[in-house]
Amino acid sequence: MKHIFMVAFALVSLGETLAFGQTSNTKCVAEHYRVLPLPLRATSINDMGHVAGISQNHRAAIWTDRSGLREIPLPNGLLDAEAVAINHAGHVVGNAHDRTLGRHQAFFYGGGKLTVLSGEQSRAFGINDADVIVGMSVTAPGKPPDPVIWNGNVIQSLAPCCGGAATAVNLGGDAIGNVHDDRGRYHAVLWTKGGGIKQIGPVNEYSTAIAINDYGHAIVQAFSKVFLYADGSLVRLELHPNYPSKPLALNNCDVVVGAFGPFSDADRAFIWDKSLGFRDLNDLISSDSGWKLESATGINNHGAIVGHGDFRGADDTGFLLIPEK
């Protein structure tokens, strides 16, 4: 994976643009977006407009309008890292690995302090505003990694049978992901505090849950099929009619973003919502922008979108899409 940032980052102050929380009537989707390059390969964005991702130095990093790019220290003995999720307070979870990719370590970064998360061969995938973290880790010798939750860096297995991963957690502490059964099949599941574990994917199909919002609505993928799970019902989404679609993020308005295409090198970023359906995000920016938006990896609750793409020949350039009224 190349990280080329041959871009003039003329990033003007976006304080007014990104202070979405000050307006209560901001729409969740737009007919057009302003696109800005970012100095990191973006993975997620919070409601304050703070972006997490990976820098050109292969370090976990945070970008904000006011502070610019800030790299996160590496855990001892590890070579590369990426930040995968960021909460409202700007706290980040990420993953680091060694040169051989044989050792993986999840970490938390908040208040200027790096905390290595407990567990062996751990990976974090999500964090909520209470600093509850979800991911996967080996919890017993000789067993595959389990889906796990960290609360105050105390690790707990969510499905101790046969492995899996917890991929996201919402404000209420509900988590999603997948678990494997004793025959090696994997299924999308929802964990709730009061209700335990519940399978939410289509019956008799391999599936995984990708993202969850604060209302408990979740995106489920079963090979080429994509579903929205809401209020106990599973509804298939009509995405691109010809190419596979990979949903990557969901906000509280049930807006989905991701990538679609015949293969990864030909991917294009998409947005879907109930009222307007599936749209190629490249059609919603200026045609002379110089961008090919390849993957939308995060969306906040005010409609700002991050991802990566090709900018005037520079691969893997991060972008920020600002909804235009």
Protein backbone atom coordinates (compact mmCIF):
# COMPACT_ATOMS: atom_id res chain seq x y z
CA MET A 1 0.00 0.00 0.00
CA LYS A 2 1.46 3.31 -1.06
CA HIS A 3 0.93 6.51 0.82
CA ILE A 4 1.67 9.39 -1.49
CA PHE A 5 0.92 12.87 -0.29
CA MET A 6 2.16 15.02 -3.20
CA VAL A 7 -0.55 17.53 -2.43
CA ALA A 8 -0.40 21.19 -1.51
CA PHE A 9 -2.34 21.12 1.73
CA ALA A 10 -3.78 24.60 1.58
CA LEU A 11 -6.16 23.81 4.40
CA VAL A 12 -7.90 26.99 5.43
CA SER A 13 -9.56 27.28 8.81
CA LEU A 14 -12.63 25.09 8.87
CA GLY A 15 -13.78 26.06 12.34
CA GLU A 16 -17.16 27.35 11.23
CA THR A 17 -17.63 24.61 8.65
CA LEU A 18 -16.85 21.76 11.04
CA ALA A 19 -18.67 23.11 14.08
CA PHE A 20 -21.66 21.05 13.08
CA GLY A 21 -22.83 20.61 16.63
CA GLN A 22 -23.88 24.26 16.74
CA THR A 23 -26.68 23.75 14.22
CA SER A 24 -29.60 21.47 14.96
CA ASN A 25 -31.10 21.39 11.45
CA THR A 26 -28.04 20.19 9.51
CA LYS A 27 -29.10 17.60 6.93
CA CYS A 28 -27.55 14.17 7.02
CA VAL A 29 -27.07 14.02 3.26
CA ALA A 30 -26.42 16.60 0.56
CA GLU A 31 -26.77 17.03 -3.17
CA HIS A 32 -23.20 18.29 -3.43
CA TYR A 33 -20.01 18.15 -1.36
CA ARG A 34 -16.89 20.23 -1.10
CA VAL A 35 -13.83 17.97 -1.07
CA LEU A 36 -10.64 18.74 0.83
CA PRO A 37 -7.39 16.74 0.90
CA LEU A 38 -6.16 15.48 4.25
CA PRO A 39 -2.57 14.73 5.33
CA LEU A 40 -3.48 11.19 6.43
CA ARG A 41 -5.33 8.16 5.09
CA ALA A 42 -8.58 8.73 6.95
CA THR A 43 -10.49 5.94 8.67
CA SER A 44 -13.10 7.72 10.83
CA ILE A 45 -14.48 11.12 11.84
CA ASN A 46 -16.29 12.28 14.97
CA ASP A 47 -19.04 14.87 15.33
CA MET A 48 -16.47 17.59 16.07
CA GLY A 49 -14.83 17.01 12.70
CA HIS A 50 -11.74 15.34 14.17
CA VAL A 51 -10.30 12.67 11.88
CA ALA A 52 -8.35 9.50 12.72
CA GLY A 53 -6.22 7.43 10.38
CA ILE A 54 -2.70 6.63 9.30
CA SER A 55 0.02 9.11 8.36
CA GLN A 56 2.47 8.88 5.48
CA ASN A 57 4.99 7.60 8.05
CA HIS A 58 2.72 4.62 8.76
CA ARG A 59 1.84 5.97 12.19
CA ALA A 60 -1.54 6.23 13.85
CA ALA A 61 -2.56 9.87 13.64
CA ILE A 62 -5.26 12.43 14.39
CA TRP A 63 -6.05 15.49 12.28
CA THR A 64 -8.04 18.49 13.45
CA ASP A 65 -8.75 21.79 11.81
CA ARG A 66 -7.08 23.76 14.58
CA SER A 67 -4.13 21.52 15.48
CA GLY A 68 -3.32 19.94 12.14
CA LEU A 69 -1.77 16.47 12.02
CA ARG A 70 -0.60 14.80 15.23
CA GLU A 71 1.04 11.37 15.20
CA ILE A 72 0.40 8.99 18.09
CA PRO A 73 3.40 7.32 19.78
CA LEU A 74 4.03 3.67 18.96
CA PRO A 75 3.79 0.93 21.58
CA ASN A 76 7.27 -0.34 22.49
CA GLY A 77 8.84 -2.75 20.03
CA LEU A 78 6.34 -2.22 17.22
CA LEU A 79 6.93 -0.68 13.82
CA ASP A 80 3.71 0.61 12.24
CA ALA A 81 0.26 1.57 13.47
CA GLU A 82 -3.08 2.98 12.41
CA ALA A 83 -5.91 4.68 14.27
CA VAL A 84 -9.20 2.98 13.42
CA ALA A 85 -11.86 4.81 15.43
CA ILE A 86 -12.30 8.11 17.28
CA ASN A 87 -14.97 9.16 19.78
CA HIS A 88 -16.54 12.53 20.61
CA ALA A 89 -13.77 13.41 23.10
CA GLY A 90 -11.10 12.75 20.48
CA HIS A 91 -9.98 9.52 22.13
CA VAL A 92 -8.67 7.00 19.66
CA VAL A 93 -8.21 3.26 19.38
CA GLY A 94 -5.80 1.69 16.98
CA ASN A 95 -3.58 -1.23 16.18
CA ALA A 96 0.17 -1.64 15.87
CA HIS A 97 2.28 -4.49 14.52
CA ASP A 98 5.89 -5.57 14.17
CA ARG A 99 7.98 -5.84 11.02
CA THR A 100 6.90 -9.40 10.26
CA LEU A 101 3.19 -8.76 10.95
CA GLY A 102 3.43 -11.63 13.42
CA ARG A 103 2.65 -9.55 16.51
CA HIS A 104 -0.44 -7.36 16.79
CA GLN A 105 -1.29 -5.00 19.64
CA ALA A 106 -4.39 -2.87 20.24
CA PHE A 107 -4.02 0.47 21.99
CA PHE A 108 -6.01 3.39 23.36
CA TYR A 109 -4.87 7.02 23.12
CA GLY A 110 -6.52 9.79 25.12
CA GLY A 111 -5.47 12.81 27.11
CA GLY A 112 -2.01 12.65 25.57
CA LYS A 113 -1.39 9.17 27.00
CA LEU A 114 -0.96 5.85 25.20
CA THR A 115 -2.38 2.74 26.87
CA VAL A 116 -1.60 -0.73 25.56
CA LEU A 117 -4.76 -2.82 25.81
CA SER A 118 -4.72 -6.15 27.63
CA GLY A 119 -4.82 -9.42 25.72
CA GLU A 120 -2.63 -11.35 23.29
CA GLN A 121 -2.59 -10.66 19.55
CA SER A 122 -5.26 -8.05 20.16
CA ARG A 123 -6.95 -5.76 17.63
CA ALA A 124 -9.37 -2.94 18.35
CA PHE A 125 -12.11 -1.90 15.93
CA GLY A 126 -14.43 0.49 17.76
CA ILE A 127 -14.85 2.86 20.70
CA ASN A 128 -17.86 4.69 22.14
CA ASP A 129 -18.09 7.96 24.04
CA ALA A 130 -17.73 6.15 27.38
CA ASP A 131 -14.34 4.77 26.20
CA VAL A 132 -15.73 1.24 25.92
CA ILE A 133 -13.66 -0.52 23.25
CA VAL A 134 -14.40 -3.61 21.15
CA GLY A 135 -12.23 -5.86 19.03
CA MET A 136 -10.67 -9.29 19.13
CA SER A 137 -7.97 -11.01 21.14
CA VAL A 138 -6.59 -14.41 22.04
CA THR A 139 -7.96 -15.10 25.52
CA ALA A 140 -6.77 -18.68 26.00
CA PRO A 141 -3.69 -20.53 24.68
CA GLY A 142 -4.26 -22.54 21.54
CA LYS A 143 -7.62 -20.94 20.78
CA PRO A 144 -8.54 -18.56 17.94
CA PRO A 145 -9.10 -14.89 18.80
CA ASP A 146 -12.41 -14.17 20.52
CA PRO A 147 -14.65 -11.12 20.10
CA VAL A 148 -13.86 -9.00 23.15
CA ILE A 149 -14.80 -5.82 24.94
CA TRP A 150 -12.50 -3.63 27.02
CA ASN A 151 -13.92 -1.48 29.81
CA GLY A 152 -11.28 0.37 31.83
CA ASN A 153 -8.73 -1.92 30.10
CA VAL A 154 -10.40 -4.96 31.66
CA ILE A 155 -10.90 -7.46 28.85
CA GLN A 156 -13.96 -9.70 28.57
CA SER A 157 -14.70 -12.35 25.97
CA LEU A 158 -18.10 -11.97 24.32
CA ALA A 159 -18.31 -15.44 22.74
CA PRO A 160 -15.81 -17.91 24.20
CA CYS A 161 -16.64 -20.86 21.93
CA CYS A 162 -14.96 -20.67 18.58
CA GLY A 163 -13.66 -17.23 17.72
CA GLY A 164 -14.87 -14.08 16.01
CA ALA A 165 -14.60 -10.30 16.30
CA ALA A 166 -16.54 -7.39 17.76
CA THR A 167 -16.44 -4.65 15.15
CA ALA A 168 -18.27 -1.64 16.63
CA VAL A 169 -20.00 -0.36 19.77
CA ASN A 170 -22.60 2.38 20.21
CA LEU A 171 -23.35 4.98 22.86
CA GLY A 172 -25.53 2.57 24.85
CA GLY A 173 -22.86 -0.11 24.93
CA ASP A 174 -24.48 -2.39 22.35
CA ALA A 175 -21.84 -4.12 20.25
CA ILE A 176 -21.88 -5.94 16.92
CA GLY A 177 -19.59 -8.25 15.02
CA ASN A 178 -19.43 -11.92 14.14
CA VAL A 179 -18.96 -15.22 15.92
CA HIS A 180 -17.91 -18.61 14.60
CA ASP A 181 -19.80 -21.76 15.41
CA ASP A 182 -18.25 -25.17 16.06
CA ARG A 183 -18.34 -25.93 12.32
CA GLY A 184 -16.36 -22.80 11.38
CA ARG A 185 -19.32 -20.84 10.02
CA TYR A 186 -19.51 -17.17 10.97
CA HIS A 187 -22.65 -15.17 11.68
CA ALA A 188 -23.46 -11.51 12.31
CA VAL A 189 -24.42 -10.90 15.92
CA LEU A 190 -25.57 -8.17 18.28
CA TRP A 191 -24.55 -8.06 21.95
CA THR A 192 -26.71 -6.06 24.34
CA LYS A 193 -26.35 -5.53 28.08
CA GLY A 194 -29.77 -6.91 28.90
CA GLY A 195 -30.33 -9.33 26.06
CA GLY A 196 -27.02 -11.11 25.67
CA ILE A 197 -26.06 -12.30 22.19
CA LYS A 198 -28.44 -12.40 19.23
CA GLN A 199 -27.85 -13.50 15.66
CA ILE A 200 -28.92 -10.72 13.29
CA GLY A 201 -27.73 -11.96 9.91
CA PRO A 202 -29.80 -13.86 7.35
CA VAL A 203 -30.52 -17.43 8.38
CA ASN A 204 -28.18 -20.12 6.98
CA GLU A 205 -25.82 -17.57 5.41
CA TYR A 206 -22.33 -16.48 6.37
CA SER A 207 -22.48 -12.87 7.53
CA THR A 208 -20.83 -10.18 9.61
CA ALA A 209 -22.06 -6.93 11.16
CA ILE A 210 -20.07 -3.91 10.01
CA ALA A 211 -21.36 -0.80 11.79
CA ILE A 212 -23.93 0.22 14.41
CA ASN A 213 -25.50 3.57 15.29
CA ASP A 214 -26.78 4.89 18.60
CA TYR A 215 -30.31 3.64 17.87
CA GLY A 216 -29.07 0.06 17.60
CA HIS A 217 -29.44 -0.06 13.82
CA ALA A 218 -26.69 -2.09 12.18
CA ILE A 219 -25.28 -2.82 8.74
CA VAL A 220 -24.90 -6.52 7.96
CA GLN A 221 -23.01 -7.98 5.00
CA ALA A 222 -23.56 -11.50 3.69
CA PHE A 223 -21.19 -11.84 0.73
CA SER A 224 -22.67 -9.60 -2.00
CA LYS A 225 -25.85 -8.84 -0.02
CA VAL A 226 -26.06 -5.86 2.34
CA PHE A 227 -28.80 -5.45 4.95
CA LEU A 228 -29.95 -2.85 7.44
CA TYR A 229 -30.96 -4.38 10.76
CA ALA A 230 -33.36 -2.12 12.64
CA ASP A 231 -35.94 -2.78 15.34
CA GLY A 232 -35.65 -6.52 14.97
CA SER A 233 -36.10 -6.53 11.19
CA LEU A 234 -33.57 -7.20 8.44
CA VAL A 235 -34.09 -5.26 5.20
CA ARG A 236 -31.89 -5.74 2.14
CA LEU A 237 -30.42 -2.52 0.72
CA GLU A 238 -30.46 -1.85 -3.02
CA LEU A 239 -26.91 -0.75 -3.74
CA HIS A 240 -25.03 -0.92 -7.05
CA PRO A 241 -26.88 -3.27 -9.44
CA ASN A 242 -23.76 -4.64 -11.14
CA TYR A 243 -20.79 -4.46 -8.77
CA PRO A 244 -20.20 -5.67 -5.22
CA SER A 245 -20.65 -3.00 -2.55
CA LYS A 246 -18.68 -2.86 0.69
CA PRO A 247 -20.41 -0.80 3.41
CA LEU A 248 -17.96 0.67 5.91
CA ALA A 249 -19.79 3.17 8.12
CA LEU A 250 -23.25 4.18 9.32
CA ASN A 251 -24.50 7.29 11.15
CA ASN A 252 -27.54 8.04 13.28
CA CYS A 253 -29.54 9.05 10.20
CA ASP A 254 -29.09 5.52 8.78
CA VAL A 255 -26.82 6.91 6.06
CA VAL A 256 -24.36 4.31 4.79
CA VAL A 257 -21.01 4.96 3.09
CA GLY A 258 -18.45 2.60 1.62
CA ALA A 259 -16.92 1.44 -1.66
CA PHE A 260 -18.13 -0.45 -4.73
CA GLY A 261 -16.49 -1.87 -7.82
CA PRO A 262 -15.50 -5.02 -9.71
CA PHE A 263 -12.20 -5.25 -7.75
CA SER A 264 -10.38 -3.11 -5.17
CA ASP A 265 -8.18 -1.15 -7.59
CA ALA A 266 -11.32 0.00 -9.42
CA ASP A 267 -13.35 0.91 -6.32
CA ARG A 268 -15.41 4.08 -6.09
CA ALA A 269 -16.89 5.65 -2.96
CA PHE A 270 -20.66 5.55 -2.44
CA ILE A 271 -23.36 6.93 -0.17
CA TRP A 272 -26.80 5.42 0.48
CA ASP A 273 -29.81 6.72 2.36
CA LYS A 274 -33.47 5.76 2.38
CA SER A 275 -34.76 8.83 0.55
CA LEU A 276 -32.19 9.16 -2.25
CA GLY A 277 -30.92 5.60 -2.50
CA PHE A 278 -27.51 4.63 -3.83
CA ARG A 279 -25.22 7.34 -5.23
CA ASP A 280 -21.63 7.46 -6.43
CA LEU A 281 -19.92 10.15 -4.36
CA ASN A 282 -17.81 11.09 -7.37
CA ASP A 283 -20.99 12.43 -8.95
CA LEU A 284 -21.55 14.75 -5.97
CA ILE A 285 -18.29 16.73 -6.17
CA SER A 286 -17.03 19.18 -8.79
CA SER A 287 -16.09 17.42 -12.01
CA ASP A 288 -12.86 19.44 -12.25
CA SER A 289 -11.73 18.67 -8.67
CA GLY A 290 -8.97 16.29 -9.74
CA TRP A 291 -10.31 13.57 -7.44
CA LYS A 292 -11.33 9.97 -7.85
CA LEU A 293 -12.97 9.10 -4.52
CA GLU A 294 -12.24 5.40 -4.03
CA SER A 295 -13.54 4.54 -0.57
CA ALA A 296 -15.65 6.35 2.03
CA THR A 297 -14.57 4.98 5.42
CA GLY A 298 -16.42 7.20 7.91
CA ILE A 299 -19.41 9.52 8.26
CA ASN A 300 -20.43 11.59 11.27
CA ASN A 301 -23.90 12.54 12.43
CA HIS A 302 -23.81 15.83 10.52
CA GLY A 303 -23.01 14.28 7.16
CA ALA A 304 -19.27 14.95 6.89
CA ILE A 305 -17.53 12.03 5.17
CA VAL A 306 -13.91 10.87 5.16
CA GLY A 307 -12.09 8.33 3.08
CA HIS A 308 -9.28 8.00 0.59
CA GLY A 309 -8.81 8.20 -3.13
CA ASP A 310 -6.64 9.37 -5.99
CA PHE A 311 -5.94 13.11 -6.14
CA ARG A 312 -4.25 14.22 -9.36
CA GLY A 313 -2.29 10.97 -9.55
CA ALA A 314 -1.47 10.72 -5.84
CA ASP A 315 -2.74 7.38 -4.53
CA ASP A 316 -4.21 6.82 -1.06
CA THR A 317 -4.80 10.49 -0.37
CA GLY A 318 -7.21 11.14 2.45
CA PHE A 319 -10.25 13.32 1.82
CA LEU A 320 -12.88 15.16 3.79
CA LEU A 321 -16.27 15.82 2.19
CA ILE A 322 -18.17 18.83 3.54
CA PRO A 323 -21.92 18.90 2.74
CA GLU A 324 -22.88 22.04 0.85
CA LYS A 325 -26.32 23.52 1.42
